[in-house]
């Protein structure tokens, strides 16, 4: 995830925004079920792997917020054991508030310094401009993660009043499909976002290059930090604003000082490429998961979680083959580009957005490279400090 943050901090913000949206949905879900004591801090803790299930007939495994809700509402686990006191959660988050406050103050001071330099006509480097882009996305990330615990070293153990086998039998046919992460995968099997598909597609590309970051266990012993929960329409609008804002910040360097005219031209091209890639991504995404299912007029009602989830479900069920049918190998180059999953799972097919992603990465990579190359040649006033007394009113 650190590498993804370097390429685009707006992706980290998207992850944080998705987790915040998921936590709010969890709070609303518990509230509708008659459990108002479940707070957003509980939801964040659960989605971080803060709860584990210790059934008498199975090994201990991690739960997320929706799985905790499933166990509570069906009477397998007492809500009193789940709704831990807020002080217990805060104890897992010692010092996080102070650290965040210090970091936010540093970011605001850096922003103030750059704005003051521009007012006094002092040079601002492209590296500083890129840093402002990071700050813009990081402030949004900090807001989304304001109630998120920092680390979960000792999860809360939940012991059901029955066996895991009994839980799965009572769940019925939905629990018959083999699990990929934990035996309770069926609870939120379809709660994914389009970005999860794109992310898995990218990870499969790396696996084909024999680049494997970690071997997945079954059942998993920790929740992955690269899960992109679905976003509500409001959250999608906020994400679009931050992505466009991050790209637009780099356009400010259109007439900055560069060592050569070629570098200035490449910077301008890269910034336009970034903004164009973002817009094209949204066009592809909205058409694939919203407009196309609507045109086909095949309504599928899943839940009221979000319109994104509904669109994903429609596209997954209307793909080349139904999930319930046997998988087949992709036929032709177009099929192979759309689906590179090991088992050729049709639910993991993606629109031809990989080209847009590749173009974005190339544009963003040059900007990162130029941030450091430009330091070899800067105007003299780039090394001058801001005259803060000039802002002091004269009497």
Foldseek 3Di string as FASTA:
>chain_A
DVVVCLLPVLLVLLQLLQQLLQLVVLCVLCVVLPHNLCHSLLQLCLQFQQEWEPFPVDHIAGGHSLVVVVCPSVQFFPVVLSSDDPVVSVVLAPPVVVVVVVVLVVLVVLVVQVVLCVVVVFADFLLSLLVVLNSLSVVSSCVSCVSHGDDRPDHRYTYTPHGPVVVLVVVPPLQPDDDDAESPCSSPVLFAFQVVLVVVLVVLVVVVVVNDDDDADVHGHTNDSPGRGDDAPVSVVVSLVSQLVSLVSLVVCLPHDFPDPVLSVLSNVLSVLSNVLSVVVVVQLCCQQPVVLVVVPDFDDDDVSHSRSRSLVSCQCPFPHGQPDQADDQDDPVLCQQAVDPRNRRSSGHPNSVVSVVSNSVSSVSSVVRSVVRVVDDDPSNPPGRPVVVVPDDD
